[in-house]
Amino acid sequence: MAKSVAEVIGDIEVEKITGPSDAQALKIGSFWQDQGVVVHFLRRFGCRLCRGYAQELYQIVPTLEASGWRVVAIGIEKLGLEDFQAGGWWNGELYIDNGKSALKALDVKQVGIITAIKDIIMNKDVGEAAKKTKDVPGNFKGDGRQLGATFVFAKGGETLFDHRQKNFGDHPSNVSILRACGIDESTVKQSLVDPSPAVQCDTDASAPASS
């Protein structure tokens, strides 16, 4: 029988950047030990699509927390962390999975250079994400090939939602996350659930950086 996501990554330790625990290293499984949790694995701190989505996701954090849910973001490296924090792209709990142990264990894919270029030019998800983040600054520092993921776990570790990116712009909607948590999205201000896309722009800052 295949292992659950919680079984695969629960014992992997992440480094605390900001969070309520006094410990500097925590097992991922501790996040769902006492309550349900949304876990978002960030791709790259300098990626403008990643920054924009982190900011979008954070808009529903107060609603999730008020309903008893914990929300954590996990980066894959410290490169670009200082700028990410200074920009205020994510003001919640933040951890680092040094070595990408969790994403490797879950076989979350890396994008090849040719595929990445095609996605930037032709992929609808990437184009729409770029529209939303036209005013978000970015850079090319860090591992630009690794994709991210977003999960919702019930208390105890049951997987309620599993979204592993297929391309740079493939992010779950806030509505889908709220529904996975059993929250009626109609009670949340609509502009905070699905922000309207902005005008078209280039996608340079989402391009792969050197790994």
N, C-alpha and C. Protein backbone atom coordinates (compact mmCIF):
# COMPACT_ATOMS: atom_id res chain seq x y z
N MET A 1 0.84 -1.20 0.00
CA MET A 1 0.00 0.00 0.00
C MET A 1 0.88 1.25 0.00
N ALA A 2 0.54 2.19 -0.88
CA ALA A 2 1.35 3.40 -0.99
C ALA A 2 1.25 4.24 0.28
N LYS A 3 2.36 4.88 0.62
CA LYS A 3 2.37 5.74 1.79
C LYS A 3 1.61 7.04 1.51
N SER A 4 1.02 7.59 2.54
CA SER A 4 0.36 8.89 2.42
C SER A 4 1.41 9.98 2.36
N VAL A 5 0.98 11.17 1.95
CA VAL A 5 1.90 12.32 1.93
C VAL A 5 2.46 12.57 3.32
N ALA A 6 1.61 12.49 4.32
CA ALA A 6 2.05 12.73 5.70
C ALA A 6 3.11 11.72 6.13
N GLU A 7 2.94 10.47 5.72
CA GLU A 7 3.92 9.44 6.06
C GLU A 7 5.25 9.67 5.35
N VAL A 8 5.18 10.19 4.13
CA VAL A 8 6.39 10.41 3.33
C VAL A 8 7.22 11.56 3.89
N ILE A 9 6.58 12.65 4.29
CA ILE A 9 7.33 13.85 4.67
C ILE A 9 7.26 14.19 6.16
N GLY A 10 6.47 13.47 6.92
CA GLY A 10 6.23 13.84 8.31
C GLY A 10 7.47 13.93 9.19
N ASP A 11 8.46 13.07 8.94
CA ASP A 11 9.67 13.06 9.78
C ASP A 11 10.78 13.96 9.26
N ILE A 12 10.56 14.63 8.14
CA ILE A 12 11.57 15.54 7.58
C ILE A 12 11.61 16.82 8.40
N GLU A 13 12.81 17.24 8.78
CA GLU A 13 12.95 18.45 9.58
C GLU A 13 13.13 19.69 8.70
N VAL A 14 12.51 20.77 9.11
CA VAL A 14 12.67 22.06 8.44
C VAL A 14 13.19 23.07 9.45
N GLU A 15 13.86 24.08 8.94
CA GLU A 15 14.44 25.13 9.79
C GLU A 15 13.46 26.27 9.96
N LYS A 16 13.24 26.68 11.19
CA LYS A 16 12.31 27.78 11.44
C LYS A 16 12.94 29.12 11.09
N ILE A 17 12.19 29.92 10.34
CA ILE A 17 12.55 31.32 10.10
C ILE A 17 11.65 32.20 10.96
N THR A 18 10.35 32.00 10.84
CA THR A 18 9.39 32.65 11.74
C THR A 18 8.32 31.63 12.10
N GLY A 19 7.97 31.57 13.37
CA GLY A 19 6.97 30.62 13.83
C GLY A 19 6.87 30.62 15.34
N PRO A 20 5.82 30.01 15.89
CA PRO A 20 5.56 30.09 17.32
C PRO A 20 6.46 29.21 18.19
N SER A 21 7.08 28.19 17.61
CA SER A 21 7.87 27.26 18.41
C SER A 21 9.21 27.86 18.81
N ASP A 22 9.71 27.47 19.98
CA ASP A 22 11.04 27.88 20.41
C ASP A 22 12.13 27.08 19.70
N ALA A 23 11.76 25.92 19.18
CA ALA A 23 12.73 25.06 18.50
C ALA A 23 13.12 25.66 17.16
N GLN A 24 14.36 25.47 16.77
CA GLN A 24 14.85 25.99 15.49
C GLN A 24 14.70 24.97 14.36
N ALA A 25 14.50 23.72 14.72
CA ALA A 25 14.26 22.66 13.73
C ALA A 25 13.02 21.89 14.16
N LEU A 26 12.09 21.72 13.22
CA LEU A 26 10.84 21.03 13.53
C LEU A 26 10.55 20.00 12.45
N LYS A 27 9.94 18.90 12.86
CA LYS A 27 9.47 17.93 11.89
C LYS A 27 8.20 18.45 11.23
N ILE A 28 8.09 18.23 9.93
CA ILE A 28 6.91 18.72 9.22
C ILE A 28 5.64 18.13 9.83
N GLY A 29 5.72 16.91 10.31
CA GLY A 29 4.55 16.28 10.91
C GLY A 29 4.02 16.98 12.14
N SER A 30 4.86 17.82 12.76
CA SER A 30 4.38 18.56 13.94
C SER A 30 3.34 19.60 13.57
N PHE A 31 3.31 20.01 12.30
CA PHE A 31 2.38 21.05 11.88
C PHE A 31 0.93 20.57 11.96
N TRP A 32 0.68 19.29 11.72
CA TRP A 32 -0.68 18.78 11.75
C TRP A 32 -0.97 17.93 13.00
N GLN A 33 -0.08 17.99 13.94
CA GLN A 33 -0.24 17.18 15.15
C GLN A 33 -1.46 17.60 15.97
N ASP A 34 -1.68 18.91 16.08
CA ASP A 34 -2.74 19.41 16.96
C ASP A 34 -3.90 20.08 16.23
N GLN A 35 -3.74 20.34 14.93
CA GLN A 35 -4.80 21.01 14.17
C GLN A 35 -4.57 20.81 12.68
N GLY A 36 -5.60 21.12 11.89
CA GLY A 36 -5.43 21.07 10.45
C GLY A 36 -4.48 22.16 9.99
N VAL A 37 -3.84 21.94 8.83
CA VAL A 37 -2.83 22.88 8.37
C VAL A 37 -2.79 22.95 6.84
N VAL A 38 -2.57 24.15 6.34
CA VAL A 38 -2.25 24.37 4.92
C VAL A 38 -0.74 24.53 4.83
N VAL A 39 -0.10 23.71 4.00
CA VAL A 39 1.35 23.77 3.83
C VAL A 39 1.65 24.14 2.38
N HIS A 40 2.32 25.28 2.21
CA HIS A 40 2.66 25.76 0.86
C HIS A 40 4.17 25.73 0.68
N PHE A 41 4.64 24.94 -0.28
CA PHE A 41 6.06 24.88 -0.62
C PHE A 41 6.35 25.91 -1.71
N LEU A 42 7.11 26.93 -1.35
CA LEU A 42 7.49 27.99 -2.29
C LEU A 42 8.56 27.49 -3.26
N ARG A 43 8.50 27.95 -4.49
CA ARG A 43 9.51 27.58 -5.47
C ARG A 43 10.83 28.31 -5.23
N ARG A 44 10.77 29.63 -5.27
CA ARG A 44 12.00 30.43 -5.24
C ARG A 44 11.65 31.80 -4.69
N PHE A 45 12.42 32.28 -3.72
CA PHE A 45 12.09 33.54 -3.06
C PHE A 45 12.15 34.75 -4.00
N GLY A 46 12.97 34.68 -5.05
CA GLY A 46 13.09 35.82 -5.96
C GLY A 46 12.13 35.80 -7.12
N CYS A 47 11.41 34.70 -7.31
CA CYS A 47 10.47 34.58 -8.43
C CYS A 47 9.25 35.47 -8.20
N ARG A 48 8.93 36.30 -9.17
CA ARG A 48 7.82 37.22 -8.95
C ARG A 48 6.47 36.50 -8.94
N LEU A 49 6.35 35.40 -9.69
CA LEU A 49 5.11 34.64 -9.64
C LEU A 49 4.93 34.01 -8.26
N CYS A 50 6.03 33.55 -7.68
CA CYS A 50 5.99 32.94 -6.35
C CYS A 50 5.65 33.99 -5.29
N ARG A 51 6.24 35.15 -5.42
CA ARG A 51 5.96 36.24 -4.48
C ARG A 51 4.51 36.67 -4.58
N GLY A 52 4.03 36.82 -5.80
CA GLY A 52 2.65 37.25 -6.00
C GLY A 52 1.66 36.25 -5.44
N TYR A 53 1.94 34.95 -5.67
CA TYR A 53 1.01 33.94 -5.15
C TYR A 53 1.07 33.87 -3.63
N ALA A 54 2.25 34.00 -3.06
CA ALA A 54 2.36 33.98 -1.59
C ALA A 54 1.52 35.11 -1.00
N GLN A 55 1.57 36.27 -1.62
CA GLN A 55 0.80 37.42 -1.15
C GLN A 55 -0.70 37.16 -1.31
N GLU A 56 -1.07 36.53 -2.42
CA GLU A 56 -2.48 36.19 -2.66
C GLU A 56 -2.98 35.18 -1.64
N LEU A 57 -2.19 34.13 -1.42
CA LEU A 57 -2.58 33.11 -0.45
C LEU A 57 -2.72 33.69 0.95
N TYR A 58 -1.84 34.62 1.29
CA TYR A 58 -1.87 35.19 2.64
C TYR A 58 -3.17 35.96 2.90
N GLN A 59 -3.84 36.38 1.85
CA GLN A 59 -5.09 37.13 2.04
C GLN A 59 -6.17 36.30 2.74
N ILE A 60 -6.11 34.97 2.63
CA ILE A 60 -7.12 34.15 3.30
C ILE A 60 -6.60 33.54 4.60
N VAL A 61 -5.37 33.85 4.97
CA VAL A 61 -4.81 33.31 6.21
C VAL A 61 -5.65 33.70 7.44
N PRO A 62 -6.06 34.96 7.58
CA PRO A 62 -6.89 35.31 8.75
C PRO A 62 -8.17 34.49 8.83
N THR A 63 -8.81 34.25 7.68
CA THR A 63 -10.02 33.43 7.65
C THR A 63 -9.73 32.00 8.07
N LEU A 64 -8.64 31.45 7.54
CA LEU A 64 -8.26 30.08 7.89
C LEU A 64 -7.95 29.96 9.37
N GLU A 65 -7.17 30.89 9.88
CA GLU A 65 -6.79 30.84 11.30
C GLU A 65 -8.00 31.02 12.21
N ALA A 66 -8.94 31.87 11.80
CA ALA A 66 -10.14 32.08 12.60
C ALA A 66 -11.00 30.82 12.65
N SER A 67 -10.83 29.96 11.65
CA SER A 67 -11.58 28.70 11.60
C SER A 67 -10.79 27.53 12.17
N GLY A 68 -9.65 27.83 12.79
CA GLY A 68 -8.89 26.80 13.47
C GLY A 68 -7.80 26.14 12.66
N TRP A 69 -7.48 26.71 11.51
CA TRP A 69 -6.45 26.14 10.65
C TRP A 69 -5.12 26.86 10.82
N ARG A 70 -4.07 26.11 10.73
CA ARG A 70 -2.72 26.66 10.73
C ARG A 70 -2.27 26.79 9.27
N VAL A 71 -1.45 27.77 8.97
CA VAL A 71 -0.94 27.96 7.61
C VAL A 71 0.56 28.20 7.69
N VAL A 72 1.33 27.39 6.95
CA VAL A 72 2.78 27.56 6.94
C VAL A 72 3.30 27.57 5.51
N ALA A 73 4.35 28.32 5.28
CA ALA A 73 5.05 28.32 4.00
C ALA A 73 6.44 27.74 4.22
N ILE A 74 6.91 26.96 3.25
CA ILE A 74 8.22 26.33 3.35
C ILE A 74 9.00 26.63 2.08
N GLY A 75 10.15 27.29 2.24
CA GLY A 75 11.04 27.55 1.11
C GLY A 75 12.02 26.40 0.93
N ILE A 76 12.70 26.38 -0.21
CA ILE A 76 13.62 25.27 -0.49
C ILE A 76 15.08 25.66 -0.31
N GLU A 77 15.35 26.94 -0.05
CA GLU A 77 16.72 27.41 0.16
C GLU A 77 16.64 28.81 0.77
N LYS A 78 17.74 29.25 1.38
CA LYS A 78 17.75 30.57 2.01
C LYS A 78 18.08 31.70 1.04
N LEU A 79 18.60 31.37 -0.12
CA LEU A 79 18.98 32.39 -1.08
C LEU A 79 17.77 33.26 -1.44
N GLY A 80 17.89 34.55 -1.24
CA GLY A 80 16.81 35.48 -1.54
C GLY A 80 15.83 35.69 -0.40
N LEU A 81 16.06 35.02 0.73
CA LEU A 81 15.13 35.11 1.87
C LEU A 81 15.01 36.53 2.41
N GLU A 82 16.15 37.21 2.55
CA GLU A 82 16.13 38.55 3.13
C GLU A 82 15.28 39.51 2.31
N ASP A 83 15.45 39.49 1.00
CA ASP A 83 14.65 40.37 0.14
C ASP A 83 13.17 39.99 0.18
N PHE A 84 12.91 38.69 0.24
CA PHE A 84 11.53 38.19 0.30
C PHE A 84 10.83 38.71 1.55
N GLN A 85 11.52 38.63 2.67
CA GLN A 85 10.93 39.11 3.92
C GLN A 85 10.80 40.62 3.94
N ALA A 86 11.81 41.31 3.43
CA ALA A 86 11.77 42.77 3.40
C ALA A 86 10.62 43.28 2.54
N GLY A 87 10.29 42.52 1.49
CA GLY A 87 9.21 42.92 0.60
C GLY A 87 7.83 42.65 1.17
N GLY A 88 7.76 41.91 2.27
CA GLY A 88 6.46 41.62 2.88
C GLY A 88 5.58 40.70 2.07
N TRP A 89 6.19 39.80 1.29
CA TRP A 89 5.40 38.92 0.43
C TRP A 89 4.68 37.83 1.22
N TRP A 90 5.19 37.52 2.38
CA TRP A 90 4.55 36.52 3.25
C TRP A 90 4.83 36.91 4.70
N ASN A 91 3.77 37.14 5.46
CA ASN A 91 3.92 37.58 6.84
C ASN A 91 3.54 36.52 7.86
N GLY A 92 3.43 35.29 7.40
CA GLY A 92 3.05 34.21 8.30
C GLY A 92 4.23 33.32 8.68
N GLU A 93 3.92 32.13 9.16
CA GLU A 93 4.95 31.17 9.53
C GLU A 93 5.78 30.79 8.30
N LEU A 94 7.10 30.74 8.48
CA LEU A 94 7.98 30.46 7.35
C LEU A 94 9.12 29.55 7.80
N TYR A 95 9.38 28.53 6.99
CA TYR A 95 10.41 27.54 7.29
C TYR A 95 11.21 27.26 6.03
N ILE A 96 12.38 26.62 6.21
CA ILE A 96 13.22 26.26 5.08
C ILE A 96 13.47 24.75 5.09
N ASP A 97 13.22 24.11 3.97
CA ASP A 97 13.55 22.70 3.78
C ASP A 97 14.89 22.65 3.05
N ASN A 98 15.96 22.80 3.80
CA ASN A 98 17.29 22.81 3.20
C ASN A 98 17.56 21.48 2.50
N GLY A 99 17.91 21.56 1.23
CA GLY A 99 18.15 20.34 0.46
C GLY A 99 16.92 19.81 -0.26
N LYS A 100 15.78 20.49 -0.13
CA LYS A 100 14.55 20.11 -0.82
C LYS A 100 14.13 18.68 -0.51
N SER A 101 14.37 18.24 0.71
CA SER A 101 14.11 16.84 1.07
C SER A 101 12.65 16.44 0.86
N ALA A 102 11.72 17.31 1.25
CA ALA A 102 10.30 16.96 1.13
C ALA A 102 9.87 16.87 -0.33
N LEU A 103 10.25 17.85 -1.13
CA LEU A 103 9.85 17.84 -2.53
C LEU A 103 10.48 16.67 -3.28
N LYS A 104 11.71 16.33 -2.92
CA LYS A 104 12.34 15.17 -3.53
C LYS A 104 11.61 13.89 -3.13
N ALA A 105 11.26 13.78 -1.86
CA ALA A 105 10.56 12.58 -1.38
C ALA A 105 9.20 12.42 -2.04
N LEU A 106 8.57 13.54 -2.37
CA LEU A 106 7.26 13.52 -3.02
C LEU A 106 7.35 13.50 -4.53
N ASP A 107 8.57 13.51 -5.05
CA ASP A 107 8.82 13.48 -6.49
C ASP A 107 8.15 14.66 -7.21
N VAL A 108 8.18 15.83 -6.56
CA VAL A 108 7.71 17.04 -7.23
C VAL A 108 8.77 17.43 -8.25
N LYS A 109 8.37 17.57 -9.48
CA LYS A 109 9.34 17.61 -10.57
C LYS A 109 10.10 18.93 -10.68
N GLN A 110 11.23 18.83 -11.36
CA GLN A 110 11.98 19.99 -11.81
C GLN A 110 11.73 20.16 -13.30
N VAL A 111 11.72 21.39 -13.75
CA VAL A 111 11.45 21.69 -15.14
C VAL A 111 12.76 21.84 -15.90
N GLY A 112 12.85 21.20 -17.06
CA GLY A 112 14.02 21.36 -17.91
C GLY A 112 14.05 22.73 -18.55
N ILE A 113 15.20 23.15 -19.00
CA ILE A 113 15.37 24.49 -19.57
C ILE A 113 14.47 24.70 -20.78
N ILE A 114 14.42 23.73 -21.69
CA ILE A 114 13.61 23.88 -22.90
C ILE A 114 12.13 23.97 -22.55
N THR A 115 11.68 23.10 -21.65
CA THR A 115 10.28 23.13 -21.21
C THR A 115 9.96 24.46 -20.53
N ALA A 116 10.88 24.94 -19.72
CA ALA A 116 10.68 26.21 -19.02
C ALA A 116 10.50 27.36 -20.00
N ILE A 117 11.33 27.40 -21.02
CA ILE A 117 11.23 28.47 -22.02
C ILE A 117 9.90 28.39 -22.76
N LYS A 118 9.49 27.17 -23.12
CA LYS A 118 8.20 27.00 -23.81
C LYS A 118 7.05 27.45 -22.92
N ASP A 119 7.11 27.10 -21.64
CA ASP A 119 6.04 27.50 -20.72
C ASP A 119 5.95 29.01 -20.59
N ILE A 120 7.10 29.66 -20.50
CA ILE A 120 7.12 31.11 -20.36
C ILE A 120 6.50 31.79 -21.58
N ILE A 121 6.73 31.22 -22.76
CA ILE A 121 6.24 31.82 -24.00
C ILE A 121 4.80 31.44 -24.29
N MET A 122 4.44 30.17 -24.02
CA MET A 122 3.19 29.63 -24.55
C MET A 122 2.16 29.20 -23.50
N ASN A 123 2.58 28.93 -22.27
CA ASN A 123 1.66 28.32 -21.31
C ASN A 123 0.65 29.32 -20.76
N LYS A 124 -0.62 28.94 -20.79
CA LYS A 124 -1.70 29.83 -20.34
C LYS A 124 -1.59 30.16 -18.86
N ASP A 125 -1.30 29.13 -18.03
CA ASP A 125 -1.18 29.37 -16.58
C ASP A 125 -0.10 30.39 -16.27
N VAL A 126 1.05 30.23 -16.94
CA VAL A 126 2.17 31.15 -16.71
C VAL A 126 1.80 32.56 -17.15
N GLY A 127 1.13 32.66 -18.31
CA GLY A 127 0.72 33.97 -18.80
C GLY A 127 -0.25 34.67 -17.86
N GLU A 128 -1.21 33.92 -17.34
CA GLU A 128 -2.19 34.52 -16.43
C GLU A 128 -1.55 34.92 -15.10
N ALA A 129 -0.62 34.08 -14.62
CA ALA A 129 0.08 34.42 -13.38
C ALA A 129 0.93 35.67 -13.57
N ALA A 130 1.51 35.82 -14.76
CA ALA A 130 2.31 37.00 -15.05
C ALA A 130 1.45 38.26 -15.08
N LYS A 131 0.22 38.14 -15.58
CA LYS A 131 -0.69 39.28 -15.58
C LYS A 131 -0.98 39.75 -14.16
N LYS A 132 -1.19 38.79 -13.27
CA LYS A 132 -1.51 39.13 -11.89
C LYS A 132 -0.35 39.80 -11.16
N THR A 133 0.87 39.51 -11.61
CA THR A 133 2.05 39.95 -10.86
C THR A 133 2.85 41.00 -11.61
N LYS A 134 2.19 41.78 -12.45
CA LYS A 134 2.89 42.74 -13.30
C LYS A 134 3.68 43.77 -12.49
N ASP A 135 3.23 44.07 -11.28
CA ASP A 135 3.90 45.09 -10.47
C ASP A 135 4.81 44.50 -9.40
N VAL A 136 4.99 43.19 -9.42
CA VAL A 136 5.83 42.53 -8.42
C VAL A 136 7.27 42.46 -8.91
N PRO A 137 8.22 42.97 -8.16
CA PRO A 137 9.63 42.87 -8.57
C PRO A 137 10.14 41.45 -8.36
N GLY A 138 11.15 41.09 -9.12
CA GLY A 138 11.73 39.76 -8.98
C GLY A 138 13.18 39.74 -9.41
N ASN A 139 13.80 38.58 -9.26
CA ASN A 139 15.18 38.41 -9.70
C ASN A 139 15.39 36.97 -10.13
N PHE A 140 16.61 36.65 -10.54
CA PHE A 140 16.90 35.32 -11.06
C PHE A 140 17.74 34.48 -10.11
N LYS A 141 17.80 34.86 -8.84
CA LYS A 141 18.63 34.14 -7.89
C LYS A 141 17.95 32.86 -7.43
N GLY A 142 18.71 31.79 -7.35
CA GLY A 142 18.19 30.56 -6.77
C GLY A 142 17.85 29.50 -7.79
N ASP A 143 17.28 28.42 -7.29
CA ASP A 143 16.93 27.26 -8.11
C ASP A 143 15.61 27.54 -8.83
N GLY A 144 15.70 27.89 -10.09
CA GLY A 144 14.51 28.23 -10.85
C GLY A 144 13.83 27.06 -11.52
N ARG A 145 14.39 25.88 -11.42
CA ARG A 145 13.82 24.72 -12.10
C ARG A 145 12.85 23.93 -11.23
N GLN A 146 13.03 24.02 -9.93
CA GLN A 146 12.19 23.23 -9.02
C GLN A 146 10.78 23.80 -8.93
N LEU A 147 9.77 22.96 -9.10
CA LEU A 147 8.39 23.38 -8.92
C LEU A 147 7.99 23.21 -7.45
N GLY A 148 6.87 23.81 -7.08
CA GLY A 148 6.41 23.77 -5.71
C GLY A 148 5.15 22.94 -5.54
N ALA A 149 4.51 23.08 -4.39
CA ALA A 149 3.31 22.30 -4.10
C ALA A 149 2.55 22.94 -2.94
N THR A 150 1.26 22.62 -2.87
CA THR A 150 0.42 23.10 -1.78
C THR A 150 -0.45 21.95 -1.29
N PHE A 151 -0.49 21.76 0.01
CA PHE A 151 -1.26 20.67 0.60
C PHE A 151 -2.15 21.19 1.72
N VAL A 152 -3.26 20.50 1.93
CA VAL A 152 -4.09 20.71 3.11
C VAL A 152 -4.15 19.38 3.85
N PHE A 153 -3.78 19.41 5.13
CA PHE A 153 -3.81 18.22 5.97
C PHE A 153 -4.80 18.42 7.11
N ALA A 154 -5.61 17.40 7.36
CA ALA A 154 -6.46 17.41 8.55
C ALA A 154 -5.60 17.15 9.78
N LYS A 155 -6.12 17.45 10.95
CA LYS A 155 -5.42 17.09 12.17
C LYS A 155 -5.11 15.60 12.15
N GLY A 156 -3.87 15.25 12.39
CA GLY A 156 -3.46 13.85 12.34
C GLY A 156 -2.78 13.46 11.04
N GLY A 157 -2.95 14.29 9.98
CA GLY A 157 -2.18 14.06 8.77
C GLY A 157 -2.92 13.57 7.54
N GLU A 158 -4.23 13.38 7.62
CA GLU A 158 -4.96 12.97 6.41
C GLU A 158 -4.86 14.06 5.35
N THR A 159 -4.55 13.67 4.12
CA THR A 159 -4.43 14.64 3.03
C THR A 159 -5.81 15.00 2.49
N LEU A 160 -6.17 16.27 2.61
CA LEU A 160 -7.45 16.76 2.11
C LEU A 160 -7.31 17.45 0.76
N PHE A 161 -6.09 17.87 0.44
CA PHE A 161 -5.85 18.62 -0.80
C PHE A 161 -4.39 18.44 -1.18
N ASP A 162 -4.16 18.12 -2.44
CA ASP A 162 -2.80 17.84 -2.93
C ASP A 162 -2.63 18.50 -4.28
N HIS A 163 -1.88 19.59 -4.31
CA HIS A 163 -1.64 20.31 -5.56
C HIS A 163 -0.14 20.42 -5.79
N ARG A 164 0.36 19.69 -6.78
CA ARG A 164 1.78 19.74 -7.13
C ARG A 164 1.89 20.44 -8.49
N GLN A 165 2.68 21.48 -8.52
CA GLN A 165 2.75 22.31 -9.72
C GLN A 165 3.17 21.53 -10.96
N LYS A 166 2.53 21.87 -12.07
CA LYS A 166 2.91 21.32 -13.37
C LYS A 166 3.74 22.32 -14.17
N ASN A 167 3.65 23.59 -13.79
CA ASN A 167 4.43 24.65 -14.43
C ASN A 167 4.53 25.82 -13.46
N PHE A 168 5.28 26.85 -13.85
CA PHE A 168 5.55 27.98 -12.95
C PHE A 168 4.29 28.72 -12.49
N GLY A 169 3.26 28.75 -13.34
CA GLY A 169 2.06 29.52 -13.01
C GLY A 169 0.93 28.69 -12.45
N ASP A 170 1.18 27.43 -12.19
CA ASP A 170 0.13 26.50 -11.75
C ASP A 170 -0.04 26.56 -10.24
N HIS A 171 -0.86 27.51 -9.79
CA HIS A 171 -1.13 27.67 -8.36
C HIS A 171 -2.60 27.36 -8.07
N PRO A 172 -2.90 26.75 -6.94
CA PRO A 172 -4.31 26.51 -6.59
C PRO A 172 -5.00 27.81 -6.22
N SER A 173 -6.29 27.89 -6.52
CA SER A 173 -7.05 29.08 -6.17
C SER A 173 -7.32 29.11 -4.67
N ASN A 174 -7.54 30.29 -4.16
CA ASN A 174 -7.92 30.42 -2.76
C ASN A 174 -9.25 29.71 -2.48
N VAL A 175 -10.15 29.72 -3.47
CA VAL A 175 -11.43 29.03 -3.32
C VAL A 175 -11.22 27.55 -3.07
N SER A 176 -10.33 26.93 -3.86
CA SER A 176 -10.11 25.49 -3.72
C SER A 176 -9.53 25.15 -2.34
N ILE A 177 -8.69 26.02 -1.82
CA ILE A 177 -8.10 25.79 -0.49
C ILE A 177 -9.16 25.96 0.59
N LEU A 178 -9.97 27.00 0.49
CA LEU A 178 -11.04 27.20 1.47
C LEU A 178 -12.00 26.02 1.48
N ARG A 179 -12.35 25.53 0.30
CA ARG A 179 -13.26 24.40 0.21
C ARG A 179 -12.65 23.15 0.84
N ALA A 180 -11.36 22.94 0.60
CA ALA A 180 -10.68 21.78 1.19
C ALA A 180 -10.70 21.84 2.71
N CYS A 181 -10.72 23.07 3.23
CA CYS A 181 -10.76 23.27 4.68
C CYS A 181 -12.19 23.32 5.23
N GLY A 182 -13.17 23.12 4.33
CA GLY A 182 -14.56 23.13 4.76
C GLY A 182 -15.11 24.49 5.07
N ILE A 183 -14.53 25.53 4.45
CA ILE A 183 -14.95 26.91 4.69
C ILE A 183 -15.74 27.40 3.49
N ASP A 184 -16.90 27.98 3.73
CA ASP A 184 -17.75 28.52 2.68
C ASP A 184 -17.11 29.80 2.14
N GLU A 185 -16.68 29.75 0.88
CA GLU A 185 -15.98 30.91 0.32
C GLU A 185 -16.89 32.12 0.17
N SER A 186 -18.21 31.91 0.19
CA SER A 186 -19.13 33.04 0.05
C SER A 186 -19.08 33.97 1.27
N THR A 187 -18.51 33.47 2.37
CA THR A 187 -18.38 34.31 3.57
C THR A 187 -17.13 35.17 3.53
N VAL A 188 -16.29 34.96 2.51
CA VAL A 188 -15.05 35.70 2.38
C VAL A 188 -15.22 36.73 1.27
N LYS A 189 -14.71 37.93 1.49
CA LYS A 189 -14.78 38.98 0.48
C LYS A 189 -14.20 38.47 -0.83
N GLN A 190 -14.97 38.54 -1.92
CA GLN A 190 -14.58 37.89 -3.17
C GLN A 190 -13.25 38.39 -3.72
N SER A 191 -12.97 39.67 -3.54
CA SER A 191 -11.71 40.20 -4.06
C SER A 191 -10.50 39.58 -3.38
N LEU A 192 -10.71 39.02 -2.17
CA LEU A 192 -9.61 38.37 -1.47
C LEU A 192 -9.51 36.90 -1.83
N VAL A 193 -10.54 36.36 -2.46
CA VAL A 193 -10.54 34.95 -2.84
C VAL A 193 -9.87 34.74 -4.18
N ASP A 194 -10.27 35.50 -5.17
CA ASP A 194 -9.70 35.38 -6.51
C ASP A 194 -9.47 36.77 -7.10
N PRO A 195 -8.34 37.40 -6.82
CA PRO A 195 -8.05 38.72 -7.35
C PRO A 195 -8.11 38.73 -8.87
N SER A 196 -8.64 39.80 -9.43
CA SER A 196 -8.73 39.89 -10.89
C SER A 196 -7.36 40.06 -11.50
N PRO A 197 -7.11 39.42 -12.67
CA PRO A 197 -5.82 39.57 -13.33
C PRO A 197 -5.59 41.00 -13.76
N ALA A 198 -4.34 41.42 -13.75
CA ALA A 198 -3.97 42.74 -14.25
C ALA A 198 -3.66 42.64 -15.73
N VAL A 199 -3.09 43.68 -16.32
CA VAL A 199 -2.82 43.70 -17.74
C VAL A 199 -1.63 42.82 -18.09
N GLN A 200 -1.51 42.49 -19.39
CA GLN A 200 -0.44 41.61 -19.86
C GLN A 200 0.93 42.25 -19.66
N CYS A 201 1.91 41.43 -19.35
CA CYS A 201 3.27 41.91 -19.20
C CYS A 201 4.23 40.79 -19.55
N ASP A 202 5.52 41.08 -19.55
CA ASP A 202 6.49 40.04 -19.83
C ASP A 202 6.63 39.13 -18.62
N THR A 203 7.30 37.97 -18.80
CA THR A 203 7.41 36.98 -17.73
C THR A 203 8.85 36.73 -17.33
N ASP A 204 9.73 37.68 -17.57
CA ASP A 204 11.16 37.45 -17.36
C ASP A 204 11.51 36.97 -15.96
N ALA A 205 10.92 37.58 -14.94
CA ALA A 205 11.34 37.27 -13.58
C ALA A 205 10.88 35.90 -13.11
N SER A 206 10.03 35.22 -13.91
CA SER A 206 9.64 33.87 -13.54
C SER A 206 10.54 32.83 -14.19
N ALA A 207 11.43 33.28 -15.06
CA ALA A 207 12.29 32.36 -15.80
C ALA A 207 13.23 31.63 -14.87
N PRO A 208 13.71 30.44 -15.31
CA PRO A 208 14.60 29.68 -14.44
C PRO A 208 15.91 30.40 -14.19
N ALA A 209 16.38 30.30 -12.96
CA ALA A 209 17.70 30.82 -12.61
C ALA A 209 18.65 29.65 -12.51
N SER A 210 19.88 29.95 -12.26
CA SER A 210 20.84 28.87 -12.11
C SER A 210 20.56 28.12 -10.83
N SER A 211 20.71 26.80 -10.85
CA SER A 211 20.40 26.00 -9.68
C SER A 211 21.61 25.88 -8.78
